[in-house]
N, C-alpha and C. Protein backbone atom coordinates (compact mmCIF):
# COMPACT_ATOMS: atom_id res chain seq x y z
N MET A 1 128.19 179.76 -18.98
CA MET A 1 127.11 178.83 -19.23
C MET A 1 126.64 179.04 -20.67
N PRO A 2 126.54 177.97 -21.47
CA PRO A 2 126.10 178.13 -22.86
C PRO A 2 124.69 178.72 -22.93
N ILE A 3 124.42 179.41 -23.99
CA ILE A 3 123.14 180.11 -24.16
C ILE A 3 121.98 179.12 -24.20
N ALA A 4 122.14 177.98 -24.87
CA ALA A 4 121.05 177.00 -24.97
C ALA A 4 120.68 176.45 -23.59
N LEU A 5 121.67 176.18 -22.78
CA LEU A 5 121.41 175.67 -21.43
C LEU A 5 120.74 176.74 -20.58
N ARG A 6 121.19 177.97 -20.74
CA ARG A 6 120.60 179.08 -20.00
C ARG A 6 119.12 179.23 -20.35
N TRP A 7 118.78 179.15 -21.64
CA TRP A 7 117.38 179.25 -22.08
C TRP A 7 116.56 178.07 -21.56
N SER A 8 117.13 176.87 -21.51
CA SER A 8 116.42 175.69 -21.01
C SER A 8 116.07 175.85 -19.54
N VAL A 9 117.03 176.30 -18.76
CA VAL A 9 116.80 176.50 -17.33
C VAL A 9 115.77 177.60 -17.12
N LEU A 10 115.88 178.68 -17.87
CA LEU A 10 114.93 179.78 -17.76
C LEU A 10 113.52 179.34 -18.14
N SER A 11 113.38 178.53 -19.18
CA SER A 11 112.07 178.03 -19.60
C SER A 11 111.46 177.12 -18.54
N LEU A 12 112.28 176.25 -17.97
CA LEU A 12 111.81 175.34 -16.93
C LEU A 12 111.33 176.11 -15.71
N LEU A 13 112.08 177.09 -15.28
CA LEU A 13 111.70 177.90 -14.13
C LEU A 13 110.42 178.68 -14.42
N THR A 14 110.26 179.17 -15.63
CA THR A 14 109.04 179.90 -16.01
C THR A 14 107.83 179.00 -15.94
N LEU A 15 107.96 177.76 -16.45
CA LEU A 15 106.84 176.82 -16.40
C LEU A 15 106.47 176.47 -14.96
N LEU A 16 107.46 176.26 -14.12
CA LEU A 16 107.18 175.98 -12.70
C LEU A 16 106.50 177.17 -12.03
N GLY A 17 106.94 178.35 -12.35
CA GLY A 17 106.32 179.54 -11.80
C GLY A 17 104.87 179.68 -12.24
N LEU A 18 104.59 179.45 -13.51
CA LEU A 18 103.22 179.51 -14.01
C LEU A 18 102.35 178.44 -13.35
N ALA A 19 102.88 177.23 -13.17
CA ALA A 19 102.11 176.17 -12.52
C ALA A 19 101.77 176.57 -11.09
N GLY A 20 102.67 177.25 -10.44
CA GLY A 20 102.39 177.70 -9.08
C GLY A 20 101.35 178.80 -9.05
N LEU A 21 101.40 179.73 -10.00
CA LEU A 21 100.42 180.81 -10.06
C LEU A 21 99.02 180.30 -10.40
N VAL A 22 98.94 179.33 -11.28
CA VAL A 22 97.64 178.79 -11.68
C VAL A 22 97.16 177.76 -10.66
N GLN A 23 98.03 177.32 -9.82
CA GLN A 23 97.76 176.32 -8.79
C GLN A 23 97.29 175.01 -9.40
N LEU A 24 98.11 174.49 -10.31
CA LEU A 24 97.82 173.20 -10.91
C LEU A 24 97.94 172.12 -9.85
N PRO A 25 96.98 171.22 -9.81
CA PRO A 25 97.08 170.15 -8.81
C PRO A 25 98.21 169.19 -9.17
N LEU A 26 99.03 168.90 -8.22
CA LEU A 26 100.10 167.94 -8.41
C LEU A 26 99.70 166.63 -7.74
N ALA A 27 100.22 165.51 -8.21
CA ALA A 27 99.90 164.20 -7.62
C ALA A 27 100.45 164.15 -6.19
N PRO A 28 99.65 163.63 -5.27
CA PRO A 28 100.12 163.53 -3.89
C PRO A 28 101.25 162.49 -3.79
N PRO A 29 102.00 162.52 -2.71
CA PRO A 29 103.07 161.53 -2.53
C PRO A 29 102.49 160.11 -2.56
N LEU A 30 103.32 159.15 -2.91
CA LEU A 30 102.90 157.76 -3.07
C LEU A 30 102.21 157.23 -1.82
N ALA A 31 102.73 157.56 -0.65
CA ALA A 31 102.18 157.01 0.59
C ALA A 31 100.78 157.52 0.90
N SER A 32 100.38 158.66 0.32
CA SER A 32 99.05 159.19 0.63
C SER A 32 98.03 158.94 -0.48
N ARG A 33 98.43 158.23 -1.53
CA ARG A 33 97.49 157.90 -2.60
C ARG A 33 96.62 156.71 -2.18
N PRO A 34 95.34 156.76 -2.50
CA PRO A 34 94.48 155.63 -2.13
C PRO A 34 94.74 154.43 -3.04
N GLY A 35 94.43 153.23 -2.52
CA GLY A 35 94.55 152.04 -3.33
C GLY A 35 95.22 150.91 -2.58
N ALA A 36 95.05 149.71 -3.07
CA ALA A 36 95.59 148.51 -2.42
C ALA A 36 97.12 148.51 -2.45
N GLY A 37 97.70 149.01 -3.54
CA GLY A 37 99.16 149.05 -3.63
C GLY A 37 99.77 149.92 -2.54
N THR A 38 99.12 151.04 -2.26
CA THR A 38 99.61 151.94 -1.23
C THR A 38 99.53 151.30 0.14
N GLU A 39 98.42 150.62 0.39
CA GLU A 39 98.27 149.95 1.69
C GLU A 39 99.36 148.90 1.89
N ARG A 40 99.71 148.20 0.82
CA ARG A 40 100.76 147.19 0.91
C ARG A 40 102.11 147.84 1.18
N VAL A 41 102.37 148.96 0.51
CA VAL A 41 103.63 149.68 0.72
C VAL A 41 103.72 150.15 2.17
N LEU A 42 102.63 150.72 2.69
CA LEU A 42 102.62 151.19 4.07
C LEU A 42 102.78 150.04 5.06
N ALA A 43 102.15 148.89 4.77
CA ALA A 43 102.29 147.73 5.65
C ALA A 43 103.74 147.22 5.64
N ASP A 44 104.36 147.20 4.46
CA ASP A 44 105.75 146.78 4.37
C ASP A 44 106.68 147.72 5.13
N LEU A 45 106.41 149.02 5.01
CA LEU A 45 107.22 150.00 5.74
C LEU A 45 107.06 149.83 7.25
N ALA A 46 105.85 149.58 7.71
CA ALA A 46 105.61 149.36 9.14
C ALA A 46 106.32 148.10 9.62
N THR A 47 106.30 147.05 8.82
CA THR A 47 107.00 145.81 9.17
C THR A 47 108.50 146.03 9.26
N GLN A 48 109.05 146.75 8.29
CA GLN A 48 110.49 147.04 8.31
C GLN A 48 110.88 147.86 9.53
N GLU A 49 110.05 148.83 9.87
CA GLU A 49 110.33 149.66 11.04
C GLU A 49 110.29 148.84 12.32
N ALA A 50 109.32 147.92 12.42
CA ALA A 50 109.22 147.06 13.61
C ALA A 50 110.44 146.14 13.70
N GLU A 51 110.88 145.60 12.56
CA GLU A 51 112.06 144.73 12.56
C GLU A 51 113.31 145.50 12.97
N GLN A 52 113.45 146.73 12.50
CA GLN A 52 114.60 147.56 12.88
C GLN A 52 114.58 147.85 14.38
N ASP A 53 113.40 148.14 14.91
CA ASP A 53 113.28 148.41 16.33
C ASP A 53 113.64 147.18 17.15
N THR A 54 113.14 146.01 16.74
CA THR A 54 113.45 144.77 17.44
C THR A 54 114.94 144.47 17.35
N ARG A 55 115.52 144.68 16.19
CA ARG A 55 116.95 144.43 16.00
C ARG A 55 117.79 145.32 16.92
N GLU A 56 117.40 146.57 17.05
CA GLU A 56 118.16 147.50 17.91
C GLU A 56 118.02 147.11 19.38
N ARG A 57 116.81 146.73 19.80
CA ARG A 57 116.64 146.31 21.20
C ARG A 57 117.41 145.03 21.48
N ALA A 58 117.43 144.09 20.51
CA ALA A 58 118.19 142.85 20.67
C ALA A 58 119.68 143.15 20.74
N ARG A 59 120.15 144.04 19.90
CA ARG A 59 121.57 144.41 19.89
C ARG A 59 122.00 144.97 21.24
N LEU A 60 121.17 145.81 21.81
CA LEU A 60 121.48 146.39 23.11
C LEU A 60 121.48 145.33 24.21
N LEU A 61 120.49 144.44 24.20
CA LEU A 61 120.41 143.37 25.19
C LEU A 61 121.60 142.42 25.06
N LEU A 62 121.96 142.05 23.85
CA LEU A 62 123.10 141.14 23.65
C LEU A 62 124.41 141.78 24.10
N SER A 63 124.55 143.07 23.83
CA SER A 63 125.75 143.78 24.26
C SER A 63 125.87 143.77 25.79
N ARG A 64 124.77 144.05 26.45
CA ARG A 64 124.79 144.05 27.93
C ARG A 64 125.03 142.65 28.47
N PHE A 65 124.46 141.64 27.80
CA PHE A 65 124.65 140.25 28.22
C PHE A 65 126.13 139.87 28.13
N VAL A 66 126.77 140.15 26.99
CA VAL A 66 128.18 139.80 26.81
C VAL A 66 129.03 140.50 27.86
N GLY A 67 128.82 141.79 28.05
CA GLY A 67 129.59 142.53 29.05
C GLY A 67 129.38 142.02 30.46
N ALA A 68 128.13 141.74 30.80
CA ALA A 68 127.81 141.26 32.15
C ALA A 68 128.40 139.88 32.39
N GLU A 69 128.33 139.00 31.41
CA GLU A 69 128.86 137.65 31.58
C GLU A 69 130.40 137.65 31.68
N ILE A 70 131.05 138.50 30.91
CA ILE A 70 132.50 138.58 31.01
C ILE A 70 132.89 139.09 32.40
N THR A 71 132.20 140.12 32.87
CA THR A 71 132.46 140.63 34.22
C THR A 71 132.17 139.56 35.26
N ARG A 72 131.05 138.89 35.10
CA ARG A 72 130.64 137.85 36.05
C ARG A 72 131.66 136.70 36.09
N TYR A 73 132.23 136.36 34.94
CA TYR A 73 133.22 135.29 34.89
C TYR A 73 134.40 135.61 35.80
N PHE A 74 134.87 136.86 35.77
CA PHE A 74 136.01 137.23 36.59
C PHE A 74 135.65 137.28 38.07
N TRP A 75 134.36 137.34 38.39
CA TRP A 75 133.93 137.35 39.79
C TRP A 75 133.43 135.99 40.25
N GLY A 76 133.74 134.93 39.51
CA GLY A 76 133.42 133.60 40.01
C GLY A 76 132.70 132.68 39.06
N GLY A 77 132.36 133.08 37.87
CA GLY A 77 131.73 132.17 36.92
C GLY A 77 130.52 132.79 36.25
N PHE A 78 130.06 132.14 35.21
CA PHE A 78 128.93 132.63 34.46
C PHE A 78 127.62 132.47 35.24
N SER A 79 126.62 133.24 34.82
CA SER A 79 125.30 133.15 35.43
C SER A 79 124.28 132.75 34.36
N GLY A 80 123.38 131.89 34.73
CA GLY A 80 122.33 131.46 33.81
C GLY A 80 121.04 132.21 34.01
N TYR A 81 121.08 133.32 34.72
CA TYR A 81 119.86 134.08 35.03
C TYR A 81 120.03 135.54 34.63
N LEU A 82 119.13 136.00 33.81
CA LEU A 82 119.22 137.39 33.34
C LEU A 82 118.99 138.39 34.47
N ASP A 83 118.10 138.05 35.41
CA ASP A 83 117.84 139.00 36.50
C ASP A 83 119.06 139.18 37.39
N VAL A 84 119.88 138.15 37.54
CA VAL A 84 121.12 138.26 38.31
C VAL A 84 122.08 139.22 37.60
N LEU A 85 122.03 139.22 36.28
CA LEU A 85 122.89 140.10 35.49
C LEU A 85 122.33 141.51 35.39
N GLY A 86 121.12 141.71 35.90
CA GLY A 86 120.49 143.02 35.83
C GLY A 86 119.88 143.32 34.47
N LEU A 87 119.50 142.27 33.74
CA LEU A 87 118.95 142.45 32.40
C LEU A 87 117.46 142.09 32.38
N GLU A 88 116.73 142.81 31.56
CA GLU A 88 115.30 142.56 31.40
C GLU A 88 115.00 142.39 29.91
N VAL A 89 114.27 141.32 29.59
CA VAL A 89 113.94 141.02 28.20
C VAL A 89 112.60 141.67 27.86
N PRO A 90 112.52 142.35 26.72
CA PRO A 90 111.23 142.92 26.30
C PRO A 90 110.17 141.83 26.16
N GLU A 91 108.91 142.20 26.34
CA GLU A 91 107.82 141.23 26.31
C GLU A 91 107.64 140.56 24.97
N ASP A 92 108.02 141.21 23.88
CA ASP A 92 107.81 140.63 22.56
C ASP A 92 109.00 139.79 22.07
N ILE A 93 109.91 139.47 22.99
CA ILE A 93 111.07 138.64 22.64
C ILE A 93 111.19 137.51 23.66
N GLN A 94 111.37 136.30 23.16
CA GLN A 94 111.62 135.16 24.05
C GLN A 94 113.12 134.98 24.20
N ALA A 95 113.57 134.69 25.41
CA ALA A 95 114.99 134.51 25.67
C ALA A 95 115.24 133.14 26.29
N ARG A 96 116.34 132.52 25.88
CA ARG A 96 116.71 131.23 26.45
C ARG A 96 118.22 131.23 26.67
N ILE A 97 118.62 130.92 27.90
CA ILE A 97 120.05 130.86 28.24
C ILE A 97 120.46 129.39 28.33
N THR A 98 121.62 129.10 27.75
CA THR A 98 122.21 127.77 27.82
C THR A 98 123.57 127.91 28.48
N GLU A 99 123.77 127.13 29.55
CA GLU A 99 125.04 127.17 30.26
C GLU A 99 125.84 125.90 30.02
N GLU A 100 127.12 126.06 29.87
CA GLU A 100 128.06 124.96 29.78
C GLU A 100 129.19 125.26 30.76
N PRO A 101 130.06 124.30 31.06
CA PRO A 101 131.12 124.57 32.04
C PRO A 101 131.99 125.78 31.70
N GLN A 102 132.34 126.00 30.45
CA GLN A 102 133.21 127.11 30.09
C GLN A 102 132.55 128.08 29.10
N ALA A 103 131.21 128.09 29.04
CA ALA A 103 130.52 128.96 28.10
C ALA A 103 129.09 129.21 28.56
N VAL A 104 128.54 130.30 28.06
CA VAL A 104 127.13 130.63 28.29
C VAL A 104 126.62 131.29 27.01
N GLN A 105 125.36 131.02 26.70
CA GLN A 105 124.80 131.51 25.44
C GLN A 105 123.37 132.01 25.67
N LEU A 106 123.04 133.11 25.02
CA LEU A 106 121.69 133.69 25.08
C LEU A 106 121.12 133.70 23.67
N LEU A 107 119.96 133.07 23.51
CA LEU A 107 119.25 133.05 22.23
C LEU A 107 117.99 133.90 22.37
N LEU A 108 117.82 134.85 21.47
CA LEU A 108 116.64 135.72 21.46
C LEU A 108 115.80 135.40 20.23
N GLN A 109 114.51 135.16 20.46
CA GLN A 109 113.57 134.87 19.38
C GLN A 109 112.41 135.85 19.46
N PRO A 110 112.39 136.85 18.58
CA PRO A 110 111.25 137.77 18.56
C PRO A 110 109.98 137.03 18.18
N ARG A 111 108.86 137.45 18.73
CA ARG A 111 107.58 136.81 18.41
C ARG A 111 107.16 137.10 16.97
N GLN A 112 107.63 138.20 16.41
CA GLN A 112 107.34 138.56 15.01
C GLN A 112 108.64 138.51 14.22
N GLY A 113 108.57 138.08 12.97
CA GLY A 113 109.75 138.07 12.12
C GLY A 113 110.48 136.74 12.15
N ARG A 114 111.40 136.59 11.22
CA ARG A 114 112.15 135.34 11.08
C ARG A 114 113.55 135.43 11.69
N GLU A 115 114.05 136.62 11.90
CA GLU A 115 115.43 136.79 12.36
C GLU A 115 115.57 136.39 13.82
N ARG A 116 116.67 135.72 14.14
CA ARG A 116 117.00 135.31 15.50
C ARG A 116 118.35 135.93 15.86
N TYR A 117 118.59 136.05 17.15
CA TYR A 117 119.83 136.67 17.65
C TYR A 117 120.43 135.77 18.72
N VAL A 118 121.73 135.65 18.71
CA VAL A 118 122.40 134.82 19.70
C VAL A 118 123.70 135.50 20.13
N ALA A 119 123.98 135.41 21.42
CA ALA A 119 125.26 135.89 21.96
C ALA A 119 125.88 134.75 22.74
N ARG A 120 127.18 134.64 22.64
CA ARG A 120 127.89 133.58 23.34
C ARG A 120 129.15 134.17 23.97
N VAL A 121 129.40 133.74 25.18
CA VAL A 121 130.65 134.08 25.87
C VAL A 121 131.30 132.75 26.21
N GLU A 122 132.52 132.58 25.78
CA GLU A 122 133.22 131.32 25.96
C GLU A 122 134.65 131.60 26.44
N VAL A 123 135.15 130.71 27.26
CA VAL A 123 136.50 130.87 27.81
C VAL A 123 137.48 130.09 26.94
N ASN A 124 138.55 130.78 26.54
CA ASN A 124 139.62 130.17 25.77
C ASN A 124 140.93 130.54 26.46
N GLU A 125 141.63 129.56 27.00
CA GLU A 125 142.89 129.77 27.72
C GLU A 125 142.71 130.78 28.85
N ALA A 126 141.67 130.60 29.63
CA ALA A 126 141.35 131.42 30.81
C ALA A 126 140.95 132.86 30.48
N VAL A 127 140.64 133.15 29.22
CA VAL A 127 140.20 134.49 28.82
C VAL A 127 138.81 134.38 28.19
N PRO A 128 137.81 135.06 28.77
CA PRO A 128 136.47 135.00 28.17
C PRO A 128 136.39 135.87 26.92
N ARG A 129 135.77 135.33 25.89
CA ARG A 129 135.54 136.06 24.64
C ARG A 129 134.04 136.03 24.35
N GLY A 130 133.52 137.13 23.86
CA GLY A 130 132.10 137.20 23.55
C GLY A 130 131.84 137.60 22.13
N LEU A 131 130.68 137.19 21.63
CA LEU A 131 130.29 137.48 20.26
C LEU A 131 128.77 137.42 20.15
N ALA A 132 128.21 138.26 19.31
CA ALA A 132 126.79 138.22 19.01
C ALA A 132 126.61 138.00 17.52
N CYS A 133 125.58 137.24 17.15
CA CYS A 133 125.32 136.92 15.75
C CYS A 133 123.82 137.02 15.49
N ARG A 134 123.49 137.17 14.21
CA ARG A 134 122.08 137.16 13.82
C ARG A 134 121.93 136.26 12.61
N GLY A 135 120.76 135.64 12.52
CA GLY A 135 120.51 134.73 11.41
C GLY A 135 119.10 134.18 11.52
N GLN A 136 118.86 133.08 10.83
CA GLN A 136 117.55 132.44 10.86
C GLN A 136 117.70 131.00 11.29
N GLY A 137 116.65 130.48 11.90
CA GLY A 137 116.67 129.09 12.34
C GLY A 137 117.40 128.93 13.67
N VAL A 138 117.96 127.74 13.85
CA VAL A 138 118.68 127.42 15.08
C VAL A 138 120.17 127.57 14.81
N PRO A 139 120.88 128.31 15.65
CA PRO A 139 122.32 128.49 15.41
C PRO A 139 123.07 127.18 15.63
N GLY A 140 124.06 126.95 14.81
CA GLY A 140 124.91 125.77 14.97
C GLY A 140 126.02 126.05 15.98
N ARG A 141 127.11 125.33 15.81
CA ARG A 141 128.24 125.48 16.73
C ARG A 141 129.06 126.72 16.39
N PHE A 142 129.48 127.41 17.43
CA PHE A 142 130.40 128.53 17.27
C PHE A 142 131.80 127.95 17.07
N GLY A 143 132.63 128.69 16.40
CA GLY A 143 134.00 128.23 16.17
C GLY A 143 135.00 129.26 16.64
N TRP A 144 136.26 128.93 16.42
CA TRP A 144 137.35 129.82 16.78
C TRP A 144 138.23 130.07 15.56
N ARG A 145 138.63 131.31 15.39
CA ARG A 145 139.61 131.68 14.37
C ARG A 145 140.69 132.45 15.13
N GLY A 146 141.79 131.77 15.36
CA GLY A 146 142.83 132.36 16.21
C GLY A 146 142.31 132.41 17.64
N ASP A 147 142.31 133.58 18.22
CA ASP A 147 141.76 133.71 19.57
C ASP A 147 140.41 134.42 19.57
N ALA A 148 139.75 134.47 18.40
CA ALA A 148 138.44 135.13 18.29
C ALA A 148 137.34 134.11 18.04
N LEU A 149 136.25 134.31 18.70
CA LEU A 149 135.06 133.50 18.52
C LEU A 149 134.41 133.88 17.18
N VAL A 150 133.90 132.90 16.42
CA VAL A 150 133.25 133.20 15.14
C VAL A 150 131.84 132.61 15.14
N CYS A 151 130.97 133.24 14.37
CA CYS A 151 129.55 132.85 14.29
C CYS A 151 129.40 131.47 13.65
N PRO A 152 128.27 130.81 13.96
CA PRO A 152 127.97 129.54 13.30
C PRO A 152 127.79 129.74 11.79
N ALA A 153 127.91 128.67 11.03
CA ALA A 153 127.73 128.73 9.58
C ALA A 153 126.33 129.27 9.25
N GLY A 154 126.27 130.20 8.31
CA GLY A 154 124.99 130.77 7.89
C GLY A 154 124.55 131.96 8.73
N TRP A 155 125.25 132.27 9.78
CA TRP A 155 124.93 133.41 10.65
C TRP A 155 126.00 134.47 10.44
N GLN A 156 125.63 135.72 10.70
CA GLN A 156 126.60 136.80 10.53
C GLN A 156 126.80 137.55 11.84
N ALA A 157 128.00 138.05 12.01
CA ALA A 157 128.33 138.79 13.22
C ALA A 157 127.41 139.99 13.34
N PHE A 158 126.99 140.24 14.55
CA PHE A 158 126.06 141.32 14.86
C PHE A 158 126.86 142.34 15.66
N PRO A 159 127.24 143.47 15.04
CA PRO A 159 128.10 144.43 15.75
C PRO A 159 127.44 144.96 17.01
N LEU A 160 128.18 144.90 18.08
CA LEU A 160 127.68 145.38 19.36
C LEU A 160 128.22 146.78 19.62
N PRO A 161 127.45 147.62 20.31
CA PRO A 161 127.96 148.96 20.62
C PRO A 161 129.14 148.85 21.56
N GLY A 162 130.12 149.71 21.35
CA GLY A 162 131.30 149.72 22.22
C GLY A 162 130.99 150.43 23.52
N PRO A 163 131.93 150.40 24.45
CA PRO A 163 131.71 151.09 25.72
C PRO A 163 131.55 152.59 25.49
N GLN A 164 130.75 153.18 26.31
CA GLN A 164 130.51 154.62 26.20
C GLN A 164 131.77 155.37 26.63
N ARG A 165 132.17 156.32 25.85
CA ARG A 165 133.35 157.14 26.16
C ARG A 165 132.90 158.53 26.56
N ARG A 166 133.63 159.09 27.48
CA ARG A 166 133.32 160.47 27.88
C ARG A 166 134.02 161.42 26.94
N ALA A 167 133.30 162.40 26.46
CA ALA A 167 133.83 163.36 25.47
C ALA A 167 134.73 164.42 26.12
N ASP A 168 134.61 164.61 27.43
CA ASP A 168 135.34 165.73 28.05
C ASP A 168 136.71 165.32 28.59
N ARG A 169 137.25 164.20 28.18
CA ARG A 169 138.58 163.79 28.67
C ARG A 169 139.66 164.56 28.01
C-alpha cells in the first residue's frame, strides 16, 4: 500500500475516533428528520409498501385461480364462482369473473392505486392455457403466440409462483 494512501486512511480513522470520543452530534437519518419533505417521503414509502403488499396478494390469488380453473376444466368445465374454487378475495380488492364458452377471466381492482390485475384461462385445441397480467385501465383482448396466451396490448405478464416442490426428494 503506498505511503500516501496509508497516511490518508490513518488520518480519516483518527478523525472518526476523535469525533466518537468528543461525541459530536451527527445528523439523524433522513426518515427521522422533522419537516414536510420527510413526511412526504414517509407517505410515499408507505404507499409503495401498500402497493407491493397488494401486488403480492393479487399474484397469489391469480395463481390459485389459474390452477383451480385448469383443474376444474378437466373435471367438467370452468367455474364462474370463486367460492366453488375455494378462493377468497381480500376485502380491499374487487373481483369480477367473466365466463365464455371456452374461457374464463378474473379481473382484480384494488380499491387503492391505479394498477389492475387480470388472469385468463382459455382452451386452445382442447388444452387449457392460463396467464396473468398487470396494467392500468381495462384490459383488451388476449392473444395467442404459438400455443401460448399473451397479454393484451399495454399490459405485461405477471409472473405467477410455480408449484411448490418438496426439498427432500
